[in-house]
């Protein structure tokens, strides 16, 4: 493995650690081991996922605005059709938003696996940027399916990050 492949693999490992932490954070919040397990829903799961992804992108120097722009371009290119592989097709359970969100995470993981297999056969690059775009696209489409105001969600995440920054500096 050359240095470039090694660097790419290290970055992918870091990305997958972040992705796994989304599931872990949700599981920790709803765990019966907590004195009082929190009541969370799909909105809070989105906050956790987008928050972890934005912190990750900031830490590794990937401008999330570029991912957002690429998502918008991809979406425009799909005009008049379902938004391809990132569409949330499942009939979601109105009574269990956590299960619904976990289904989305599973679809994201399936897409990562499919891309990795295709990349091995075709020789195309399987990299962290593409994984972030896949994750971002599924999460944005989930927002649309669940009629979540994405702008408000982003403001909430910014507020939480500001609070975290204040806590770290105190």
N, C-alpha and C. Protein backbone atom coordinates (compact mmCIF):
# COMPACT_ATOMS: atom_id res chain seq x y z
N UNK A 1 0.86 -1.18 0.00
CA UNK A 1 0.00 0.00 0.00
C UNK A 1 0.90 1.24 0.00
N UNK A 2 0.70 2.14 -0.96
CA UNK A 2 1.52 3.34 -0.99
C UNK A 2 1.01 4.37 0.00
N UNK A 3 1.76 5.46 0.15
CA UNK A 3 1.40 6.48 1.15
C UNK A 3 0.03 7.08 0.89
N UNK A 4 -0.30 7.31 -0.39
CA UNK A 4 -1.59 7.90 -0.74
C UNK A 4 -2.75 6.98 -0.34
N UNK A 5 -2.60 5.68 -0.64
CA UNK A 5 -3.62 4.70 -0.25
C UNK A 5 -3.72 4.59 1.26
N UNK A 6 -2.58 4.63 1.92
CA UNK A 6 -2.54 4.55 3.38
C UNK A 6 -3.24 5.75 4.01
N UNK A 7 -2.98 6.95 3.46
CA UNK A 7 -3.62 8.17 3.95
C UNK A 7 -5.13 8.12 3.72
N UNK A 8 -5.54 7.65 2.53
CA UNK A 8 -6.96 7.52 2.22
C UNK A 8 -7.63 6.55 3.20
N UNK A 9 -6.96 5.43 3.47
CA UNK A 9 -7.53 4.44 4.40
C UNK A 9 -7.64 5.01 5.81
N UNK A 10 -6.65 5.76 6.24
CA UNK A 10 -6.69 6.38 7.57
C UNK A 10 -7.85 7.37 7.66
N UNK A 11 -8.05 8.13 6.59
CA UNK A 11 -9.17 9.09 6.58
C UNK A 11 -10.51 8.37 6.57
N UNK A 12 -10.61 7.29 5.81
CA UNK A 12 -11.83 6.49 5.81
C UNK A 12 -12.09 5.89 7.18
N UNK A 13 -11.04 5.40 7.83
CA UNK A 13 -11.20 4.85 9.18
C UNK A 13 -11.74 5.91 10.13
N UNK A 14 -11.20 7.13 10.03
CA UNK A 14 -11.70 8.23 10.87
C UNK A 14 -13.16 8.55 10.57
N UNK A 15 -13.52 8.55 9.30
CA UNK A 15 -14.90 8.80 8.93
C UNK A 15 -15.82 7.73 9.51
N UNK A 16 -15.45 6.47 9.34
CA UNK A 16 -16.31 5.39 9.84
C UNK A 16 -16.40 5.39 11.36
N UNK A 17 -15.34 5.82 12.03
CA UNK A 17 -15.42 5.99 13.50
C UNK A 17 -16.48 7.04 13.84
N UNK A 18 -16.50 8.15 13.08
CA UNK A 18 -17.50 9.19 13.31
C UNK A 18 -18.90 8.64 13.03
N UNK A 19 -19.05 7.91 11.92
CA UNK A 19 -20.36 7.36 11.56
C UNK A 19 -20.84 6.41 12.67
N UNK A 20 -19.96 5.54 13.15
CA UNK A 20 -20.33 4.62 14.23
C UNK A 20 -20.70 5.37 15.50
N UNK A 21 -20.05 6.51 15.72
CA UNK A 21 -20.35 7.28 16.93
C UNK A 21 -21.77 7.85 16.90
N UNK A 22 -22.32 8.07 15.71
CA UNK A 22 -23.71 8.53 15.61
C UNK A 22 -24.62 7.46 16.23
N UNK A 23 -24.45 6.22 15.80
CA UNK A 23 -25.25 5.12 16.35
C UNK A 23 -25.01 4.97 17.84
N UNK A 24 -23.74 5.06 18.25
CA UNK A 24 -23.40 4.92 19.67
C UNK A 24 -24.03 6.02 20.51
N UNK A 25 -23.97 7.26 20.02
CA UNK A 25 -24.55 8.39 20.76
C UNK A 25 -26.05 8.21 20.94
N UNK A 26 -26.72 7.77 19.90
CA UNK A 26 -28.18 7.55 19.99
C UNK A 26 -28.46 6.42 20.97
N UNK A 27 -27.72 5.32 20.85
CA UNK A 27 -27.91 4.18 21.75
C UNK A 27 -27.68 4.58 23.21
N UNK A 28 -26.64 5.39 23.45
CA UNK A 28 -26.35 5.84 24.82
C UNK A 28 -27.50 6.66 25.40
N UNK A 29 -28.09 7.51 24.57
CA UNK A 29 -29.17 8.37 25.05
C UNK A 29 -30.43 7.60 25.42
N UNK A 30 -30.71 6.53 24.69
CA UNK A 30 -31.95 5.79 24.94
C UNK A 30 -31.75 4.52 25.77
N UNK A 31 -30.53 4.30 26.21
CA UNK A 31 -30.19 3.09 26.95
C UNK A 31 -30.96 2.98 28.25
N UNK A 32 -31.39 1.77 28.55
CA UNK A 32 -32.07 1.50 29.83
C UNK A 32 -31.11 1.62 31.00
N UNK A 33 -29.80 1.65 30.70
CA UNK A 33 -28.81 1.77 31.77
C UNK A 33 -28.76 3.18 32.34
N UNK A 34 -29.33 4.15 31.62
CA UNK A 34 -29.39 5.51 32.14
C UNK A 34 -30.41 5.57 33.27
N UNK A 35 -30.15 6.45 34.23
CA UNK A 35 -31.12 6.63 35.31
C UNK A 35 -32.49 6.97 34.74
N UNK A 36 -32.47 7.92 33.81
CA UNK A 36 -33.68 8.31 33.10
C UNK A 36 -33.36 8.33 31.61
N UNK A 37 -33.68 7.23 30.89
CA UNK A 37 -33.43 7.26 29.45
C UNK A 37 -34.18 8.45 28.82
N UNK A 38 -33.50 9.14 27.93
CA UNK A 38 -34.11 10.31 27.31
C UNK A 38 -35.12 9.90 26.26
N UNK A 39 -36.15 10.70 26.16
CA UNK A 39 -37.12 10.54 25.09
C UNK A 39 -36.63 11.36 23.92
N UNK A 40 -36.15 10.70 22.90
CA UNK A 40 -35.69 11.42 21.72
C UNK A 40 -36.44 10.88 20.51
N UNK A 41 -36.43 11.67 19.46
CA UNK A 41 -37.08 11.27 18.22
C UNK A 41 -36.15 11.47 17.04
N UNK A 42 -36.74 11.45 15.87
CA UNK A 42 -35.98 11.59 14.64
C UNK A 42 -35.25 12.91 14.55
N UNK A 43 -35.86 13.98 15.07
CA UNK A 43 -35.23 15.30 15.01
C UNK A 43 -33.92 15.30 15.79
N UNK A 44 -33.96 14.75 16.98
CA UNK A 44 -32.76 14.70 17.81
C UNK A 44 -31.70 13.80 17.17
N UNK A 45 -32.13 12.73 16.51
CA UNK A 45 -31.18 11.86 15.80
C UNK A 45 -30.51 12.63 14.67
N UNK A 46 -31.29 13.45 13.97
CA UNK A 46 -30.71 14.28 12.91
C UNK A 46 -29.69 15.27 13.48
N UNK A 47 -30.01 15.84 14.63
CA UNK A 47 -29.07 16.76 15.27
C UNK A 47 -27.75 16.03 15.58
N UNK A 48 -27.85 14.84 16.13
CA UNK A 48 -26.65 14.06 16.46
C UNK A 48 -25.86 13.77 15.18
N UNK A 49 -26.53 13.31 14.14
CA UNK A 49 -25.83 12.92 12.91
C UNK A 49 -25.19 14.11 12.22
N UNK A 50 -25.96 15.19 12.02
CA UNK A 50 -25.39 16.36 11.34
C UNK A 50 -24.33 17.03 12.20
N UNK A 51 -24.51 17.02 13.51
CA UNK A 51 -23.53 17.61 14.40
C UNK A 51 -22.20 16.85 14.32
N UNK A 52 -22.27 15.53 14.44
CA UNK A 52 -21.05 14.73 14.35
C UNK A 52 -20.37 14.91 13.00
N UNK A 53 -21.18 14.94 11.93
CA UNK A 53 -20.61 15.09 10.59
C UNK A 53 -19.96 16.46 10.43
N UNK A 54 -20.60 17.51 10.92
CA UNK A 54 -20.02 18.85 10.73
C UNK A 54 -18.76 19.02 11.56
N UNK A 55 -18.74 18.49 12.77
CA UNK A 55 -17.51 18.55 13.59
C UNK A 55 -16.40 17.76 12.91
N UNK A 56 -16.74 16.59 12.39
CA UNK A 56 -15.75 15.78 11.68
C UNK A 56 -15.17 16.56 10.50
N UNK A 57 -16.06 17.12 9.68
CA UNK A 57 -15.61 17.86 8.50
C UNK A 57 -14.70 19.03 8.89
N UNK A 58 -15.09 19.73 9.94
CA UNK A 58 -14.28 20.85 10.41
C UNK A 58 -12.90 20.37 10.85
N UNK A 59 -12.85 19.26 11.56
CA UNK A 59 -11.59 18.74 12.09
C UNK A 59 -10.64 18.24 11.00
N UNK A 60 -11.19 17.73 9.88
CA UNK A 60 -10.33 17.19 8.83
C UNK A 60 -10.17 18.15 7.65
N UNK A 61 -10.77 19.32 7.76
CA UNK A 61 -10.59 20.33 6.72
C UNK A 61 -11.45 20.15 5.48
N UNK A 62 -12.57 19.49 5.62
CA UNK A 62 -13.50 19.36 4.50
C UNK A 62 -14.59 20.41 4.67
N UNK A 63 -14.70 21.35 3.72
CA UNK A 63 -15.73 22.38 3.84
C UNK A 63 -17.13 21.79 3.59
N UNK A 64 -17.93 21.75 4.65
CA UNK A 64 -19.26 21.19 4.53
C UNK A 64 -20.11 21.95 3.51
N UNK A 65 -19.80 23.23 3.33
CA UNK A 65 -20.52 24.03 2.32
C UNK A 65 -20.30 23.44 0.92
N UNK A 66 -19.13 22.89 0.66
CA UNK A 66 -18.88 22.27 -0.65
C UNK A 66 -19.70 20.99 -0.80
N UNK A 67 -19.83 20.23 0.28
CA UNK A 67 -20.66 19.02 0.26
C UNK A 67 -22.10 19.44 -0.01
N UNK A 68 -22.57 20.49 0.68
CA UNK A 68 -23.93 20.98 0.47
C UNK A 68 -24.13 21.41 -0.99
N UNK A 69 -23.14 22.11 -1.55
CA UNK A 69 -23.22 22.53 -2.94
C UNK A 69 -23.27 21.35 -3.89
N UNK A 70 -22.46 20.35 -3.62
CA UNK A 70 -22.44 19.16 -4.46
C UNK A 70 -23.79 18.43 -4.37
N UNK A 71 -24.35 18.38 -3.17
CA UNK A 71 -25.67 17.78 -2.97
C UNK A 71 -26.72 18.51 -3.81
N UNK A 72 -26.70 19.84 -3.75
CA UNK A 72 -27.68 20.64 -4.51
C UNK A 72 -27.53 20.41 -6.01
N UNK A 73 -26.29 20.34 -6.49
CA UNK A 73 -26.05 20.09 -7.92
C UNK A 73 -26.54 18.70 -8.32
N UNK A 74 -26.26 17.73 -7.47
CA UNK A 74 -26.71 16.37 -7.73
C UNK A 74 -28.23 16.31 -7.76
N UNK A 75 -28.85 17.01 -6.84
CA UNK A 75 -30.31 17.03 -6.77
C UNK A 75 -30.91 17.70 -8.02
N UNK A 76 -30.30 18.80 -8.46
CA UNK A 76 -30.78 19.48 -9.67
C UNK A 76 -30.65 18.57 -10.89
N UNK A 77 -29.59 17.80 -10.95
CA UNK A 77 -29.38 16.93 -12.10
C UNK A 77 -30.40 15.78 -12.14
N UNK A 78 -31.07 15.55 -11.03
CA UNK A 78 -32.07 14.49 -10.94
C UNK A 78 -33.49 15.02 -11.07
N UNK A 79 -33.66 16.27 -11.50
CA UNK A 79 -34.96 16.92 -11.59
C UNK A 79 -35.95 16.03 -12.34
N UNK A 80 -37.16 15.95 -11.77
CA UNK A 80 -38.22 15.18 -12.40
C UNK A 80 -38.16 13.70 -12.08
N UNK A 81 -37.16 13.28 -11.36
CA UNK A 81 -37.03 11.87 -10.98
C UNK A 81 -36.91 11.81 -9.46
N UNK A 82 -37.04 10.61 -8.92
CA UNK A 82 -36.67 10.44 -7.52
C UNK A 82 -35.19 10.74 -7.44
N UNK A 83 -34.74 11.14 -6.28
CA UNK A 83 -33.35 11.53 -6.12
C UNK A 83 -32.49 10.28 -5.99
N UNK A 84 -32.58 9.43 -6.98
CA UNK A 84 -31.69 8.29 -7.15
C UNK A 84 -31.51 7.43 -5.93
N UNK A 85 -30.29 7.02 -5.73
CA UNK A 85 -29.95 6.05 -4.69
C UNK A 85 -30.14 6.60 -3.28
N UNK A 86 -30.26 7.91 -3.13
CA UNK A 86 -30.34 8.49 -1.79
C UNK A 86 -31.77 8.72 -1.32
N UNK A 87 -32.75 8.31 -2.13
CA UNK A 87 -34.15 8.51 -1.77
C UNK A 87 -34.51 7.58 -0.63
N UNK A 88 -35.31 8.10 0.28
CA UNK A 88 -35.78 7.32 1.42
C UNK A 88 -37.08 6.66 0.98
N UNK A 89 -36.99 5.38 0.61
CA UNK A 89 -38.15 4.66 0.08
C UNK A 89 -38.98 3.98 1.16
N UNK A 90 -38.36 3.62 2.25
CA UNK A 90 -39.05 2.83 3.24
C UNK A 90 -40.33 3.51 3.71
N UNK A 91 -41.33 2.67 3.95
CA UNK A 91 -42.51 3.17 4.63
C UNK A 91 -42.07 3.28 6.09
N UNK A 92 -42.02 4.50 6.57
CA UNK A 92 -41.50 4.71 7.92
C UNK A 92 -42.61 4.53 8.94
N UNK A 93 -42.25 4.00 10.08
CA UNK A 93 -43.18 3.74 11.17
C UNK A 93 -43.48 5.05 11.89
N UNK A 94 -44.72 5.48 11.82
CA UNK A 94 -45.08 6.75 12.44
C UNK A 94 -44.92 6.72 13.96
N UNK A 95 -44.87 5.54 14.54
CA UNK A 95 -44.81 5.42 15.99
C UNK A 95 -43.40 5.28 16.55
N UNK A 96 -42.41 5.11 15.70
CA UNK A 96 -41.06 4.91 16.23
C UNK A 96 -40.01 5.60 15.36
N UNK A 97 -39.75 6.85 15.69
CA UNK A 97 -38.80 7.64 14.91
C UNK A 97 -37.37 7.12 15.04
N UNK A 98 -37.05 6.52 16.19
CA UNK A 98 -35.69 5.98 16.39
C UNK A 98 -35.46 4.82 15.41
N UNK A 99 -36.43 3.92 15.31
CA UNK A 99 -36.32 2.80 14.37
C UNK A 99 -36.19 3.33 12.94
N UNK A 100 -36.99 4.33 12.61
CA UNK A 100 -36.92 4.93 11.27
C UNK A 100 -35.52 5.47 10.99
N UNK A 101 -34.97 6.18 11.96
CA UNK A 101 -33.65 6.76 11.75
C UNK A 101 -32.60 5.67 11.62
N UNK A 102 -32.73 4.62 12.40
CA UNK A 102 -31.78 3.51 12.31
C UNK A 102 -31.87 2.84 10.93
N UNK A 103 -33.07 2.79 10.34
CA UNK A 103 -33.22 2.25 8.98
C UNK A 103 -32.43 3.11 7.99
N UNK A 104 -32.47 4.42 8.19
CA UNK A 104 -31.72 5.32 7.31
C UNK A 104 -30.22 5.07 7.47
N UNK A 105 -29.77 4.92 8.71
CA UNK A 105 -28.35 4.63 8.94
C UNK A 105 -27.95 3.32 8.27
N UNK A 106 -28.83 2.32 8.30
CA UNK A 106 -28.55 1.05 7.63
C UNK A 106 -28.45 1.24 6.12
N UNK A 107 -29.34 2.05 5.55
CA UNK A 107 -29.29 2.32 4.11
C UNK A 107 -27.98 3.02 3.75
N UNK A 108 -27.55 3.94 4.61
CA UNK A 108 -26.28 4.64 4.37
C UNK A 108 -25.14 3.62 4.38
N UNK A 109 -25.13 2.75 5.37
CA UNK A 109 -24.08 1.73 5.45
C UNK A 109 -24.10 0.82 4.23
N UNK A 110 -25.30 0.44 3.79
CA UNK A 110 -25.42 -0.40 2.59
C UNK A 110 -24.84 0.31 1.38
N UNK A 111 -25.07 1.61 1.28
CA UNK A 111 -24.52 2.38 0.16
C UNK A 111 -23.00 2.44 0.22
N UNK A 112 -22.45 2.59 1.44
CA UNK A 112 -20.99 2.57 1.58
C UNK A 112 -20.44 1.23 1.09
N UNK A 113 -21.07 0.15 1.51
CA UNK A 113 -20.61 -1.19 1.13
C UNK A 113 -20.69 -1.39 -0.38
N UNK A 114 -21.81 -0.98 -0.98
CA UNK A 114 -21.98 -1.13 -2.42
C UNK A 114 -20.92 -0.31 -3.17
N UNK A 115 -20.68 0.91 -2.71
CA UNK A 115 -19.67 1.75 -3.35
C UNK A 115 -18.28 1.14 -3.22
N UNK A 116 -17.98 0.61 -2.06
CA UNK A 116 -16.66 0.01 -1.85
C UNK A 116 -16.47 -1.20 -2.78
N UNK A 117 -17.49 -2.04 -2.89
CA UNK A 117 -17.40 -3.21 -3.78
C UNK A 117 -17.24 -2.77 -5.24
N UNK A 118 -18.04 -1.77 -5.64
CA UNK A 118 -17.94 -1.27 -7.02
C UNK A 118 -16.55 -0.69 -7.27
N UNK A 119 -16.02 0.02 -6.29
CA UNK A 119 -14.70 0.63 -6.43
C UNK A 119 -13.61 -0.41 -6.58
N UNK A 120 -13.74 -1.51 -5.83
CA UNK A 120 -12.74 -2.58 -5.93
C UNK A 120 -12.73 -3.18 -7.33
N UNK A 121 -13.93 -3.34 -7.90
CA UNK A 121 -14.02 -3.95 -9.24
C UNK A 121 -13.60 -2.98 -10.34
N UNK A 122 -13.99 -1.71 -10.20
CA UNK A 122 -13.76 -0.75 -11.28
C UNK A 122 -12.46 0.04 -11.14
N UNK A 123 -11.89 0.04 -9.95
CA UNK A 123 -10.69 0.81 -9.71
C UNK A 123 -10.94 2.28 -9.40
N UNK A 124 -12.25 2.67 -9.36
CA UNK A 124 -12.53 4.07 -9.02
C UNK A 124 -12.25 4.29 -7.54
N UNK A 125 -12.10 5.55 -7.19
CA UNK A 125 -11.69 5.90 -5.84
C UNK A 125 -12.85 5.78 -4.84
N UNK A 126 -12.60 5.11 -3.74
CA UNK A 126 -13.53 5.03 -2.61
C UNK A 126 -12.91 5.88 -1.53
N UNK A 127 -13.48 7.08 -1.31
CA UNK A 127 -12.83 8.00 -0.39
C UNK A 127 -13.83 8.62 0.59
N UNK A 128 -13.27 9.33 1.51
CA UNK A 128 -14.06 9.93 2.58
C UNK A 128 -15.02 10.98 2.04
N UNK A 129 -14.60 11.76 1.05
CA UNK A 129 -15.46 12.80 0.48
C UNK A 129 -16.76 12.19 -0.03
N UNK A 130 -16.65 11.10 -0.77
CA UNK A 130 -17.83 10.43 -1.32
C UNK A 130 -18.71 9.89 -0.20
N UNK A 131 -18.10 9.36 0.83
CA UNK A 131 -18.87 8.84 1.97
C UNK A 131 -19.62 9.96 2.68
N UNK A 132 -18.98 11.11 2.83
CA UNK A 132 -19.65 12.25 3.46
C UNK A 132 -20.82 12.70 2.59
N UNK A 133 -20.62 12.75 1.28
CA UNK A 133 -21.70 13.15 0.37
C UNK A 133 -22.87 12.16 0.46
N UNK A 134 -22.59 10.89 0.52
CA UNK A 134 -23.65 9.88 0.66
C UNK A 134 -24.42 10.10 1.96
N UNK A 135 -23.69 10.22 3.06
CA UNK A 135 -24.33 10.41 4.36
C UNK A 135 -25.17 11.68 4.35
N UNK A 136 -24.59 12.77 3.88
CA UNK A 136 -25.27 14.06 3.83
C UNK A 136 -26.56 13.95 2.99
N UNK A 137 -26.46 13.30 1.84
CA UNK A 137 -27.60 13.19 0.94
C UNK A 137 -28.76 12.41 1.56
N UNK A 138 -28.44 11.29 2.17
CA UNK A 138 -29.50 10.52 2.83
C UNK A 138 -30.15 11.34 3.96
N UNK A 139 -29.33 12.01 4.76
CA UNK A 139 -29.87 12.77 5.88
C UNK A 139 -30.73 13.93 5.39
N UNK A 140 -30.30 14.62 4.35
CA UNK A 140 -31.11 15.70 3.79
C UNK A 140 -32.43 15.18 3.24
N UNK A 141 -32.38 14.05 2.55
CA UNK A 141 -33.61 13.48 2.01
C UNK A 141 -34.54 13.00 3.11
N UNK A 142 -33.97 12.51 4.21
CA UNK A 142 -34.78 12.14 5.37
C UNK A 142 -35.46 13.38 5.94
N UNK A 143 -34.73 14.49 5.98
CA UNK A 143 -35.33 15.75 6.45
C UNK A 143 -36.55 16.10 5.59
N UNK A 144 -36.39 15.97 4.28
CA UNK A 144 -37.50 16.30 3.38
C UNK A 144 -38.67 15.35 3.58
N UNK A 145 -38.39 14.06 3.69
CA UNK A 145 -39.47 13.08 3.86
C UNK A 145 -40.23 13.32 5.16
N UNK A 146 -39.50 13.68 6.20
CA UNK A 146 -40.11 13.91 7.52
C UNK A 146 -40.54 15.36 7.72
N UNK A 147 -40.38 16.18 6.68
CA UNK A 147 -40.76 17.59 6.70
C UNK A 147 -40.08 18.37 7.83
N UNK A 148 -38.78 18.11 7.97
CA UNK A 148 -37.96 18.81 8.96
C UNK A 148 -37.41 20.07 8.29
N UNK A 149 -37.56 21.20 8.97
CA UNK A 149 -37.03 22.46 8.48
C UNK A 149 -35.50 22.42 8.62
N UNK A 150 -34.81 22.22 7.50
CA UNK A 150 -33.36 22.05 7.53
C UNK A 150 -32.64 23.28 8.06
N UNK A 151 -33.12 24.46 7.70
CA UNK A 151 -32.50 25.70 8.18
C UNK A 151 -32.59 25.80 9.70
N UNK A 152 -33.74 25.47 10.25
CA UNK A 152 -33.91 25.50 11.72
C UNK A 152 -33.02 24.44 12.38
N UNK A 153 -32.93 23.30 11.76
CA UNK A 153 -32.07 22.23 12.27
C UNK A 153 -30.62 22.72 12.34
N UNK A 154 -30.15 23.37 11.27
CA UNK A 154 -28.78 23.88 11.23
C UNK A 154 -28.56 24.97 12.29
N UNK A 155 -29.56 25.81 12.50
CA UNK A 155 -29.44 26.84 13.54
C UNK A 155 -29.33 26.20 14.92
N UNK A 156 -30.11 25.16 15.15
CA UNK A 156 -30.05 24.45 16.44
C UNK A 156 -28.67 23.82 16.65
N UNK A 157 -28.13 23.22 15.60
CA UNK A 157 -26.80 22.61 15.69
C UNK A 157 -25.75 23.68 15.95
N UNK A 158 -25.85 24.82 15.29
CA UNK A 158 -24.91 25.93 15.53
C UNK A 158 -24.98 26.41 16.96
N UNK A 159 -26.20 26.50 17.49
CA UNK A 159 -26.37 26.92 18.88
C UNK A 159 -25.71 25.91 19.83
N UNK A 160 -25.92 24.64 19.58
CA UNK A 160 -25.32 23.59 20.41
C UNK A 160 -23.80 23.65 20.33
N UNK A 161 -23.27 23.83 19.13
CA UNK A 161 -21.81 23.92 18.97
C UNK A 161 -21.25 25.14 19.69
N UNK A 162 -21.97 26.26 19.64
CA UNK A 162 -21.53 27.46 20.36
C UNK A 162 -21.48 27.20 21.86
N UNK A 163 -22.50 26.51 22.37
CA UNK A 163 -22.52 26.17 23.79
C UNK A 163 -21.37 25.25 24.15
N UNK A 164 -21.08 24.29 23.27
CA UNK A 164 -19.96 23.38 23.52
C UNK A 164 -18.63 24.13 23.52
N UNK A 165 -18.49 25.08 22.60
CA UNK A 165 -17.26 25.89 22.54
C UNK A 165 -17.11 26.72 23.81
N UNK A 166 -18.22 27.30 24.31
CA UNK A 166 -18.17 28.08 25.55
C UNK A 166 -17.77 27.20 26.72
N UNK A 167 -18.34 25.97 26.77
CA UNK A 167 -18.01 25.06 27.87
C UNK A 167 -16.53 24.65 27.83
N UNK A 168 -16.00 24.45 26.62
CA UNK A 168 -14.59 24.06 26.49
C UNK A 168 -13.65 25.18 26.90
N UNK A 169 -14.04 26.42 26.64
CA UNK A 169 -13.16 27.54 26.96
C UNK A 169 -13.30 28.00 28.42
N UNK A 170 -14.29 27.47 29.13
CA UNK A 170 -14.42 27.86 30.55
C UNK A 170 -13.61 26.99 31.46
